Amino acid sequence: HLKELSFGEYDQPVIGMKSCFEYSEKDGEDSEWSAREWFVVRKAEIHVSDDQVLIPYLKMGVEAREQILGDAGLEDAPITRPDHP
């Protein structure tokens, strides 16, 4: 579900949050735009039920950075966008 959110397949859960396609459209067709995203594990645990069944517990997140062209090629921008939550 996280990947689909970032690509705009579903409504964004945070007011003002935009998908990568909305940012690309906002900048116009004349400008090139690049970014990367990755999934992170925020918390991982194994719970044991009363009848000794192992239950995985996982919290995940998505992090993303806009990229700019630097001396060594594409680099992460120091601030992705100040208007993005």
Protein backbone atom coordinates (compact mmCIF):
# COMPACT_ATOMS: atom_id res chain seq x y z
CA HIS A 1 0.00 0.00 0.00
CA LEU A 2 2.92 2.38 0.67
CA LYS A 3 4.23 2.17 -2.88
CA GLU A 4 0.77 2.78 -4.30
CA LEU A 5 0.32 5.86 -2.08
CA SER A 6 3.59 7.39 -3.23
CA PHE A 7 2.63 6.87 -6.85
CA GLY A 8 -0.79 8.46 -6.38
CA GLU A 9 -2.95 5.38 -6.76
CA TYR A 10 -4.88 6.23 -3.55
CA ASP A 11 -5.85 9.46 -1.80
CA GLN A 12 -3.03 10.79 0.36
CA PRO A 13 -3.55 10.25 4.12
CA VAL A 14 -2.01 13.62 5.06
CA ILE A 15 -3.62 16.88 3.94
CA GLY A 16 -1.32 18.61 1.48
CA MET A 17 0.77 15.52 0.70
CA LYS A 18 1.22 14.98 -3.02
CA SER A 19 2.22 12.01 -5.11
CA CYS A 20 5.33 12.05 -7.29
CA PHE A 21 3.14 12.55 -10.36
CA GLU A 22 1.44 15.63 -8.87
CA TYR A 23 4.84 17.23 -8.25
CA SER A 24 5.96 16.40 -11.76
CA GLU A 25 2.80 17.96 -13.24
CA LYS A 26 3.16 21.05 -11.02
CA ASP A 27 6.70 21.71 -12.27
CA GLY A 28 5.57 21.53 -15.88
CA GLU A 29 6.56 19.35 -18.76
CA ASP A 30 9.63 21.43 -19.59
CA SER A 31 11.50 20.63 -16.39
CA GLU A 32 13.11 17.31 -15.56
CA TRP A 33 12.40 15.92 -12.12
CA SER A 34 14.02 13.01 -10.36
CA ALA A 35 13.56 11.39 -6.97
CA ARG A 36 14.10 8.11 -5.20
CA GLU A 37 12.17 6.31 -2.52
CA TRP A 38 12.85 3.40 -0.27
CA PHE A 39 11.00 1.41 2.35
CA VAL A 40 12.23 1.27 5.92
CA VAL A 41 11.40 -1.00 8.82
CA ARG A 42 10.56 1.25 11.77
CA LYS A 43 9.87 -1.51 14.26
CA ALA A 44 10.01 -5.30 14.08
CA GLU A 45 9.00 -7.69 16.83
CA ILE A 46 7.92 -11.29 17.24
CA HIS A 47 5.02 -11.82 19.62
CA VAL A 48 4.09 -15.18 21.12
CA SER A 49 0.42 -15.96 21.66
CA ASP A 50 -0.94 -17.81 24.68
CA ASP A 51 -0.95 -21.03 22.67
CA GLN A 52 2.72 -20.53 21.60
CA VAL A 53 2.08 -19.26 18.05
CA LEU A 54 4.64 -16.81 16.71
CA ILE A 55 3.07 -13.58 15.43
CA PRO A 56 5.21 -11.10 13.47
CA TYR A 57 4.66 -7.41 14.25
CA LEU A 58 6.04 -4.86 11.81
CA LYS A 59 5.79 -1.10 11.30
CA MET A 60 7.08 0.18 7.99
CA GLY A 61 7.50 3.56 6.38
CA VAL A 62 8.51 5.20 3.14
CA GLU A 63 11.27 7.76 2.82
CA ALA A 64 11.90 9.77 -0.29
CA ARG A 65 14.32 12.41 -1.49
CA GLU A 66 14.19 14.69 -4.47
CA GLN A 67 17.38 14.45 -6.50
CA ILE A 68 19.40 17.20 -8.10
CA LEU A 69 22.23 17.03 -10.59
CA GLY A 70 25.55 17.50 -8.78
CA ASP A 71 29.22 17.11 -9.65
CA ALA A 72 29.07 13.32 -9.23
CA GLY A 73 25.69 12.86 -10.96
CA LEU A 74 22.34 12.68 -9.20
CA GLU A 75 22.50 13.56 -5.49
CA ASP A 76 19.87 13.86 -2.79
CA ALA A 77 18.63 17.42 -2.37
CA PRO A 78 19.34 18.77 1.13
CA ILE A 79 15.67 19.74 1.55
CA THR A 80 13.23 17.86 -0.61
CA ARG A 81 10.45 20.49 -0.61
CA PRO A 82 9.57 22.92 2.13
CA ASP A 83 5.86 22.71 1.24
CA HIS A 84 5.72 18.93 1.56
CA PRO A 85 4.71 17.48 4.95
